[in-house]
C-alpha atoms as a PDB file:
ATOM      1  CA  MET A   1       8.514 -17.946  -0.316  1.00  0.00           C
ATOM      2  CA  SER A   2      11.204 -15.541  -0.500  1.00  0.00           C
ATOM      3  CA  GLN A   3      11.774 -11.596   0.306  1.00  0.00           C
ATOM      4  CA  SER A   4      14.336  -9.184  -1.429  1.00  0.00           C
ATOM      5  CA  LYS A   5      16.828  -7.583   1.610  1.00  0.00           C
ATOM      6  CA  TRP A   6      15.289  -4.135   0.369  1.00  0.00           C
ATOM      7  CA  ALA A   7      11.589  -5.637   1.065  1.00  0.00           C
ATOM      8  CA  SER A   8      13.076  -6.491   4.455  1.00  0.00           C
ATOM      9  CA  ILE A   9      13.963  -2.995   5.094  1.00  0.00           C
ATOM     10  CA  ARG A  10      10.196  -1.360   3.664  1.00  0.00           C
ATOM     11  CA  LEU A  11       9.010  -3.909   5.827  1.00  0.00           C
ATOM     12  CA  HIS A  12      10.669  -2.661   9.213  1.00  0.00           C
ATOM     13  CA  LYS A  13      10.337   0.679   8.397  1.00  0.00           C
ATOM     14  CA  ALA A  14       6.270   0.587   8.121  1.00  0.00           C
ATOM     15  CA  LYS A  15       6.428  -1.144  10.833  1.00  0.00           C
ATOM     16  CA  THR A  16       7.933   1.517  12.834  1.00  0.00           C
ATOM     17  CA  ASP A  17       6.062   4.325  10.784  1.00  0.00           C
ATOM     18  CA  ALA A  18       2.793   1.943  12.057  1.00  0.00           C
ATOM     19  CA  ALA A  19       2.610   4.173  14.942  1.00  0.00           C
ATOM     20  CA  LYS A  20       2.729   7.930  13.386  1.00  0.00           C
ATOM     21  CA  GLY A  21      -1.098   9.770  13.556  1.00  0.00           C
ATOM     22  CA  ALA A  22      -0.610  10.091   9.630  1.00  0.00           C
ATOM     23  CA  THR A  23      -1.084   6.566   9.085  1.00  0.00           C
ATOM     24  CA  TYR A  24      -4.564   6.267  11.511  1.00  0.00           C
ATOM     25  CA  THR A  25      -5.073   9.106   9.225  1.00  0.00           C
ATOM     26  CA  LYS A  26      -4.951   7.616   5.948  1.00  0.00           C
ATOM     27  CA  MET A  27      -6.407   4.630   7.248  1.00  0.00           C
ATOM     28  CA  SER A  28      -9.593   6.442   8.622  1.00  0.00           C
ATOM     29  CA  ARG A  29      -9.837   8.121   5.115  1.00  0.00           C
ATOM     30  CA  ALA A  30      -9.605   4.773   3.180  1.00  0.00           C
ATOM     31  CA  ILE A  31     -12.557   3.249   5.360  1.00  0.00           C
ATOM     32  CA  THR A  32     -14.824   6.438   4.716  1.00  0.00           C
ATOM     33  CA  VAL A  33     -14.236   6.097   1.101  1.00  0.00           C
ATOM     34  CA  ALA A  34     -15.237   2.218   0.743  1.00  0.00           C
ATOM     35  CA  ALA A  35     -18.406   3.092   3.025  1.00  0.00           C
ATOM     36  CA  ARG A  36     -19.233   5.541   0.435  1.00  0.00           C
ATOM     37  CA  GLN A  37     -18.836   3.676  -2.205  1.00  0.00           C
ATOM     38  CA  GLY A  38     -20.714   0.740  -1.337  1.00  0.00           C
ATOM     39  CA  GLU A  39     -22.624  -0.598   2.350  1.00  0.00           C
ATOM     40  CA  PRO A  40     -21.631   1.256   4.837  1.00  0.00           C
ATOM     41  CA  ASP A  41     -21.811  -2.582   6.945  1.00  0.00           C
ATOM     42  CA  PRO A  42     -18.165  -4.190   6.602  1.00  0.00           C
ATOM     43  CA  GLU A  43     -20.262  -7.645   6.444  1.00  0.00           C
ATOM     44  CA  SER A  44     -21.886  -6.920   3.144  1.00  0.00           C
ATOM     45  CA  ASN A  45     -18.850  -4.513   1.689  1.00  0.00           C
ATOM     46  CA  PHE A  46     -15.761  -6.250   1.079  1.00  0.00           C
ATOM     47  CA  ALA A  47     -13.528  -3.302   0.260  1.00  0.00           C
ATOM     48  CA  LEU A  48     -14.570  -1.584   3.634  1.00  0.00           C
ATOM     49  CA  ARG A  49     -14.420  -5.179   5.410  1.00  0.00           C
ATOM     50  CA  ALA A  50     -10.517  -4.877   4.180  1.00  0.00           C
ATOM     51  CA  ALA A  51     -10.241  -1.150   4.871  1.00  0.00           C
ATOM     52  CA  VAL A  52     -10.932  -2.306   8.822  1.00  0.00           C
ATOM     53  CA  GLN A  53      -9.147  -5.302   8.963  1.00  0.00           C
ATOM     54  CA  LYS A  54      -6.177  -3.147   8.326  1.00  0.00           C
ATOM     55  CA  ALA A  55      -7.347  -0.444  10.293  1.00  0.00           C
ATOM     56  CA  LYS A  56      -7.552  -3.099  13.341  1.00  0.00           C
ATOM     57  CA  GLU A  57      -4.273  -4.739  12.734  1.00  0.00           C
ATOM     58  CA  ALA A  58      -2.453  -1.232  12.817  1.00  0.00           C
ATOM     59  CA  GLY A  59      -4.069  -0.401  15.838  1.00  0.00           C
ATOM     60  CA  LEU A  60      -6.598   2.344  15.048  1.00  0.00           C
ATOM     61  CA  PRO A  61      -9.128   2.861  17.741  1.00  0.00           C
ATOM     62  CA  ASN A  62     -12.510   1.429  17.388  1.00  0.00           C
ATOM     63  CA  ASP A  63     -14.246   4.875  17.879  1.00  0.00           C
ATOM     64  CA  ASN A  64     -12.235   6.287  14.919  1.00  0.00           C
ATOM     65  CA  ILE A  65     -13.219   3.388  12.644  1.00  0.00           C
ATOM     66  CA  GLU A  66     -16.724   4.092  14.050  1.00  0.00           C
ATOM     67  CA  ARG A  67     -16.946   7.650  12.805  1.00  0.00           C
ATOM     68  CA  ALA A  68     -14.923   7.249   9.660  1.00  0.00           C
ATOM     69  CA  ILE A  69     -17.792   4.797   8.483  1.00  0.00           C
ATOM     70  CA  ALA A  70     -20.077   7.400   9.676  1.00  0.00           C
ATOM     71  CA  ARG A  71     -18.767  10.055   7.276  1.00  0.00           C
ATOM     72  CA  GLY A  72     -18.724   7.573   4.419  1.00  0.00           C
ATOM     73  CA  SER A  73     -22.345   6.640   4.898  1.00  0.00           C
ATOM     74  CA  GLY A  74     -23.218  10.302   5.007  1.00  0.00           C
ATOM     75  CA  LEU A  75     -24.042  10.551   8.948  1.00  0.00           C
ATOM     76  CA  LEU A  76     -21.190  12.830   9.793  1.00  0.00           C
ATOM     77  CA  THR A  77     -20.590  15.743   6.755  1.00  0.00           C
ATOM     78  CA  ASP A  78     -17.124  17.548   6.852  1.00  0.00           C
ATOM     79  CA  GLY A  79     -15.154  17.400   3.692  1.00  0.00           C
ATOM     80  CA  ALA A  80     -15.815  15.407   0.458  1.00  0.00           C
ATOM     81  CA  LEU A  81     -12.714  13.143  -0.384  1.00  0.00           C
ATOM     82  CA  GLU A  82     -11.746  12.654  -3.808  1.00  0.00           C
ATOM     83  CA  SER A  83      -9.357   9.669  -4.908  1.00  0.00           C
ATOM     84  CA  LEU A  84      -6.399  10.510  -7.515  1.00  0.00           C
ATOM     85  CA  ARG A  85      -3.527   8.997  -8.777  1.00  0.00           C
ATOM     86  CA  TYR A  86       0.107  10.931  -9.121  1.00  0.00           C
ATOM     87  CA  GLU A  87       2.720   9.587 -11.335  1.00  0.00           C
ATOM     88  CA  GLY A  88       5.987  10.627 -11.385  1.00  0.00           C
ATOM     89  CA  TYR A  89       9.741  10.181 -11.593  1.00  0.00           C
ATOM     90  CA  GLY A  90      12.397  10.296  -8.600  1.00  0.00           C
ATOM     91  CA  PRO A  91      16.366  10.654  -8.406  1.00  0.00           C
ATOM     92  CA  GLY A  92      17.855   8.544 -10.930  1.00  0.00           C
ATOM     93  CA  GLY A  93      14.620   7.675 -12.707  1.00  0.00           C
ATOM     94  CA  VAL A  94      12.919   5.570 -10.877  1.00  0.00           C
ATOM     95  CA  ALA A  95       9.147   5.691 -11.447  1.00  0.00           C
ATOM     96  CA  ILE A  96       6.710   6.793  -8.311  1.00  0.00           C
ATOM     97  CA  LEU A  97       2.839   6.198  -8.313  1.00  0.00           C
ATOM     98  CA  MET A  98       1.080   7.178  -5.709  1.00  0.00           C
ATOM     99  CA  ASP A  99      -2.486   6.722  -4.466  1.00  0.00           C
ATOM    100  CA  ILE A 100      -4.310  10.058  -3.065  1.00  0.00           C
ATOM    101  CA  LEU A 101      -7.191  10.636  -0.910  1.00  0.00           C
ATOM    102  CA  THR A 102      -7.193  14.066  -0.498  1.00  0.00           C
ATOM    103  CA  ASP A 103     -10.363  17.287   0.012  1.00  0.00           C
ATOM    104  CA  ASN A 104      -7.755  19.632  -1.898  1.00  0.00           C
ATOM    105  CA  ARG A 105      -6.187  18.485  -5.448  1.00  0.00           C
ATOM    106  CA  ASN A 106      -4.789  21.932  -5.302  1.00  0.00           C
ATOM    107  CA  ARG A 107      -3.526  21.606  -1.579  1.00  0.00           C
ATOM    108  CA  THR A 108      -2.132  17.985  -2.437  1.00  0.00           C
ATOM    109  CA  ALA A 109      -0.280  18.967  -5.904  1.00  0.00           C
ATOM    110  CA  ALA A 110       0.966  21.680  -4.173  1.00  0.00           C
ATOM    111  CA  ASP A 111       2.733  19.166  -1.695  1.00  0.00           C
ATOM    112  CA  VAL A 112       3.846  16.261  -3.597  1.00  0.00           C
ATOM    113  CA  ARG A 113       5.425  18.573  -6.609  1.00  0.00           C
ATOM    114  CA  ALA A 114       7.556  20.491  -3.459  1.00  0.00           C
ATOM    115  CA  ALA A 115       8.762  17.368  -2.166  1.00  0.00           C
ATOM    116  CA  PHE A 116       9.888  16.519  -5.589  1.00  0.00           C
ATOM    117  CA  ASN A 117      11.671  19.648  -6.470  1.00  0.00           C
ATOM    118  CA  LYS A 118      13.330  19.538  -2.810  1.00  0.00           C
ATOM    119  CA  ILE A 119      15.137  16.322  -3.366  1.00  0.00           C
ATOM    120  CA  GLY A 120      14.973  15.358  -6.917  1.00  0.00           C
ATOM    121  CA  GLY A 121      12.804  14.282  -9.980  1.00  0.00           C
ATOM    122  CA  ASN A 122       9.662  15.609 -11.314  1.00  0.00           C
ATOM    123  CA  LEU A 123       6.193  14.960 -10.814  1.00  0.00           C
ATOM    124  CA  GLY A 124       4.750  14.276 -14.030  1.00  0.00           C
ATOM    125  CA  GLU A 125       1.091  13.224 -16.268  1.00  0.00           C
ATOM    126  CA  THR A 126      -0.997  10.564 -15.394  1.00  0.00           C
ATOM    127  CA  GLY A 127       0.216   7.890 -17.286  1.00  0.00           C
ATOM    128  CA  CYS A 128       3.881   8.526 -17.650  1.00  0.00           C
ATOM    129  CA  VAL A 129       5.437   5.498 -15.470  1.00  0.00           C
ATOM    130  CA  SER A 130       1.640   3.675 -14.370  1.00  0.00           C
ATOM    131  CA  TYR A 131       2.685   1.605 -17.630  1.00  0.00           C
ATOM    132  CA  MET A 132       5.805  -0.243 -16.163  1.00  0.00           C
ATOM    133  CA  PHE A 133       3.313  -1.354 -13.399  1.00  0.00           C
ATOM    134  CA  GLU A 134       0.525  -3.746 -12.803  1.00  0.00           C
ATOM    135  CA  GLN A 135      -1.959  -3.701  -9.810  1.00  0.00           C
ATOM    136  CA  LYS A 136      -2.264  -6.951  -8.265  1.00  0.00           C
ATOM    137  CA  GLY A 137      -4.394  -8.474  -4.992  1.00  0.00           C
ATOM    138  CA  PHE A 138      -2.187  -9.252  -1.638  1.00  0.00           C
ATOM    139  CA  ILE A 139      -3.805 -11.358   1.398  1.00  0.00           C
ATOM    140  CA  ARG A 140      -2.184 -12.119   4.594  1.00  0.00           C
ATOM    141  CA  LEU A 141      -2.557 -15.273   5.741  1.00  0.00           C
ATOM    142  CA  LYS A 142      -2.647 -16.515   9.235  1.00  0.00           C
ATOM    143  CA  GLY A 143      -2.072 -18.963  11.784  1.00  0.00           C
ATOM    144  CA  THR A 144       1.063 -21.674  11.580  1.00  0.00           C
ATOM    145  CA  ALA A 145       0.605 -23.681   8.359  1.00  0.00           C
ATOM    146  CA  ASP A 146       2.953 -25.641   6.425  1.00  0.00           C
ATOM    147  CA  GLU A 147       4.224 -23.551   3.396  1.00  0.00           C
ATOM    148  CA  GLU A 148       3.600 -26.163   1.253  1.00  0.00           C
ATOM    149  CA  GLU A 149      -0.274 -26.757   2.666  1.00  0.00           C
ATOM    150  CA  LEU A 150      -0.718 -22.799   2.287  1.00  0.00           C
ATOM    151  CA  PHE A 151       1.061 -22.637  -1.617  1.00  0.00           C
ATOM    152  CA  MET A 152      -1.336 -25.279  -2.353  1.00  0.00           C
ATOM    153  CA  ALA A 153      -4.677 -23.661  -0.683  1.00  0.00           C
ATOM    154  CA  VAL A 154      -3.767 -20.575  -2.617  1.00  0.00           C
ATOM    155  CA  ALA A 155      -3.516 -21.897  -6.144  1.00  0.00           C
ATOM    156  CA  GLU A 156      -6.807 -23.605  -5.290  1.00  0.00           C
ATOM    157  CA  ALA A 157      -8.501 -20.660  -4.226  1.00  0.00           C
ATOM    158  CA  GLY A 158      -7.418 -19.144  -7.599  1.00  0.00           C
ATOM    159  CA  GLY A 159      -4.271 -16.940  -6.438  1.00  0.00           C
ATOM    160  CA  ASP A 160      -1.166 -16.946  -8.390  1.00  0.00           C
ATOM    161  CA  ASP A 161       1.726 -16.871  -5.371  1.00  0.00           C
ATOM    162  CA  LEU A 162       2.973 -16.802  -2.358  1.00  0.00           C
ATOM    163  CA  MET A 163       5.455 -14.482  -0.760  1.00  0.00           C
ATOM    164  CA  ASP A 164       6.890 -13.831   2.944  1.00  0.00           C
ATOM    165  CA  GLU A 165       6.167 -10.311   3.662  1.00  0.00           C
ATOM    166  CA  ASP A 166       6.821 -10.978   7.948  1.00  0.00           C
ATOM    167  CA  GLY A 167       4.630 -13.572   7.203  1.00  0.00           C
ATOM    168  CA  ALA A 168       2.952 -15.534   4.072  1.00  0.00           C
ATOM    169  CA  MET A 169       0.780 -13.379   1.620  1.00  0.00           C
ATOM    170  CA  ALA A 170      -1.378 -14.684  -1.355  1.00  0.00           C
ATOM    171  CA  VAL A 171      -0.856 -13.121  -4.344  1.00  0.00           C
ATOM    172  CA  CYS A 172      -3.802 -12.862  -7.183  1.00  0.00           C
ATOM    173  CA  GLU A 173      -5.516 -10.765 -10.259  1.00  0.00           C
ATOM    174  CA  PHE A 174      -6.385  -7.480  -8.060  1.00  0.00           C
ATOM    175  CA  THR A 175      -9.847  -8.497 -10.060  1.00  0.00           C
ATOM    176  CA  ARG A 176     -10.217 -11.375  -8.154  1.00  0.00           C
ATOM    177  CA  LEU A 177      -8.990 -10.645  -4.449  1.00  0.00           C
ATOM    178  CA  GLU A 178     -12.223 -10.589  -2.808  1.00  0.00           C
ATOM    179  CA  GLU A 179     -13.122 -14.130  -4.837  1.00  0.00           C
ATOM    180  CA  VAL A 180      -9.733 -15.608  -3.670  1.00  0.00           C
ATOM    181  CA  SER A 181     -10.042 -14.459  -0.135  1.00  0.00           C
ATOM    182  CA  SER A 182     -13.378 -15.587   0.192  1.00  0.00           C
ATOM    183  CA  SER A 183     -12.054 -18.984  -0.821  1.00  0.00           C
ATOM    184  CA  LEU A 184      -8.990 -19.414   1.495  1.00  0.00           C
ATOM    185  CA  GLU A 185     -11.758 -18.603   4.337  1.00  0.00           C
ATOM    186  CA  ALA A 186     -13.922 -21.616   3.382  1.00  0.00           C
ATOM    187  CA  SER A 187     -10.893 -23.608   3.283  1.00  0.00           C
ATOM    188  CA  GLY A 188     -10.135 -22.985   6.363  1.00  0.00           C
ATOM    189  CA  ILE A 189      -7.183 -20.588   6.152  1.00  0.00           C
ATOM    190  CA  GLU A 190      -7.420 -17.973   8.677  1.00  0.00           C
ATOM    191  CA  VAL A 191      -7.051 -14.397   6.326  1.00  0.00           C
ATOM    192  CA  GLY A 192      -5.752 -11.325   7.724  1.00  0.00           C
ATOM    193  CA  SER A 193      -5.989  -7.662   6.077  1.00  0.00           C
ATOM    194  CA  SER A 194      -5.973  -7.538   1.913  1.00  0.00           C
ATOM    195  CA  SER A 195      -5.221  -4.910  -0.550  1.00  0.00           C
ATOM    196  CA  ILE A 196      -4.491  -3.765  -4.266  1.00  0.00           C
ATOM    197  CA  ARG A 197      -1.184  -2.735  -5.021  1.00  0.00           C
ATOM    198  CA  TRP A 198       0.601  -1.872  -7.970  1.00  0.00           C
ATOM    199  CA  VAL A 199       3.662  -4.191  -9.045  1.00  0.00           C
ATOM    200  CA  PRO A 200       6.562  -2.737 -11.071  1.00  0.00           C
ATOM    201  CA  THR A 201       6.830  -5.136 -14.128  1.00  0.00           C
ATOM    202  CA  VAL A 202      10.211  -2.931 -14.837  1.00  0.00           C
ATOM    203  CA  ASP A 203      13.038  -2.548 -12.327  1.00  0.00           C
ATOM    204  CA  ALA A 204      14.969   0.843 -11.890  1.00  0.00           C
ATOM    205  CA  ALA A 205      18.478  -0.487 -11.376  1.00  0.00           C
ATOM    206  CA  ILE A 206      20.278   1.722  -8.790  1.00  0.00           C
ATOM    207  CA  ALA A 207      23.665   0.987  -7.860  1.00  0.00           C
ATOM    208  CA  ASP A 208      25.192   4.333  -6.468  1.00  0.00           C
ATOM    209  CA  PRO A 209      24.341   4.501  -2.648  1.00  0.00           C
ATOM    210  CA  ASP A 210      23.738   8.000  -2.629  1.00  0.00           C
ATOM    211  CA  LEU A 211      21.018   8.264  -4.973  1.00  0.00           C
ATOM    212  CA  ALA A 212      19.138   5.230  -3.498  1.00  0.00           C
ATOM    213  CA  VAL A 213      19.581   7.358  -0.340  1.00  0.00           C
ATOM    214  CA  LYS A 214      18.179  10.491  -1.887  1.00  0.00           C
ATOM    215  CA  VAL A 215      15.550   8.036  -3.749  1.00  0.00           C
ATOM    216  CA  VAL A 216      14.215   6.609  -0.097  1.00  0.00           C
ATOM    217  CA  LYS A 217      14.126  10.271   1.062  1.00  0.00           C
ATOM    218  CA  LEU A 218      11.743  11.171  -1.679  1.00  0.00           C
ATOM    219  CA  ILE A 219       9.653   8.088  -0.753  1.00  0.00           C
ATOM    220  CA  ASP A 220       9.626   9.271   2.997  1.00  0.00           C
ATOM    221  CA  LYS A 221       8.535  12.523   2.363  1.00  0.00           C
ATOM    222  CA  LEU A 222       5.966  11.434   0.061  1.00  0.00           C
ATOM    223  CA  GLU A 223       4.276   8.740   2.430  1.00  0.00           C
ATOM    224  CA  ASN A 224       4.077  10.933   5.159  1.00  0.00           C
ATOM    225  CA  LEU A 225       1.964  13.711   3.601  1.00  0.00           C
ATOM    226  CA  ASP A 226      -1.775  12.938   5.182  1.00  0.00           C
ATOM    227  CA  ASP A 227      -3.437  12.831   1.719  1.00  0.00           C
ATOM    228  CA  VAL A 228      -0.461  10.275  -0.231  1.00  0.00           C
ATOM    229  CA  GLN A 229      -2.117   7.083   1.005  1.00  0.00           C
ATOM    230  CA  ALA A 230       0.274   4.530  -0.814  1.00  0.00           C
ATOM    231  CA  VAL A 231       3.527   5.223  -2.694  1.00  0.00           C
ATOM    232  CA  PHE A 232       4.928   2.779  -5.114  1.00  0.00           C
ATOM    233  CA  THR A 233       8.332   2.459  -7.148  1.00  0.00           C
ATOM    234  CA  ASN A 234      10.383  -0.052  -9.332  1.00  0.00           C
ATOM    235  CA  PHE A 235      13.416   0.664  -7.352  1.00  0.00           C
ATOM    236  CA  ALA A 236      15.673  -1.870  -7.384  1.00  0.00           C
ATOM    237  CA  PRO A 237      18.763  -1.161  -5.163  1.00  0.00           C
ATOM    238  CA  ASP A 238      21.605  -3.280  -5.676  1.00  0.00           C
ATOM    239  CA  ASP A 239      23.305  -5.206  -2.488  1.00  0.00           C
ATOM    240  CA  ALA A 240      25.654  -2.585  -2.005  1.00  0.00           C
ATOM    241  CA  CYS A 241      22.806   0.115  -1.763  1.00  0.00           C
ATOM    242  CA  THR A 242      21.059  -2.191   0.367  1.00  0.00           C
ATOM    243  CA  GLU A 243      23.802  -2.582   2.882  1.00  0.00           C
ATOM    244  CA  VAL A 244      23.667   1.662   3.260  1.00  0.00           C
ATOM    245  CA  LEU A 245      20.019   2.047   3.486  1.00  0.00           C
ATOM    246  CA  ALA A 246      19.948  -0.704   6.212  1.00  0.00           C
ATOM    247  CA  ALA A 247      21.974   1.192   8.508  1.00  0.00           C
ATOM    248  CA  THR A 248      20.216   4.358   7.691  1.00  0.00           C
ATOM    249  CA  VAL A 249      16.361   3.165   8.032  1.00  0.00           C
END
């Protein structure tokens, strides 16, 4: 298992941001949408179970989780949520892709566009950068099993890879996320939260530290918007840039 310096920095920042109320809002929305798209029971709805597990790991109170499920099942009606995908280019031509959940797409578009205009880059049309990404499933593995043992278990369950992300993380085709997760559980591996992410197939190498800082500022600003569920990028700073970024996080 390996992890880049940049990935380590992002992971550290994610832990810091996890305490923010905005993160709780995003998780509640994800639970609501998952409950709406299937059964409002986590046991029979894998997407809902994954959303609830992720929220619990981040410390979202049970009352919030129950309200979000009730909202998704129609027991509470306080605004419909719409799933969108926004794409654009950041400073240095870095590709940025965002998963959106919003009850007002005009507000969201204005907020996202303002972030790009303030820091640099531009919001683009659908498809302008998504061709440089592929979707993958990620499953957090718990416990203290041997790395080789975990790798074999992941392979036997139909997974593609095992990576280090503050612990073991199985990677698989996104269409097989539930299947691989269930197979790992059946083999005795303790499974944590799971998610689908956009993974870049083409990197945008950045060697200018000032430019790298601008990219991170834009990513941060976008991630802090309540309507933006997740931000994915092909940002690939070199070692010199990474040292500067580590000092600023």
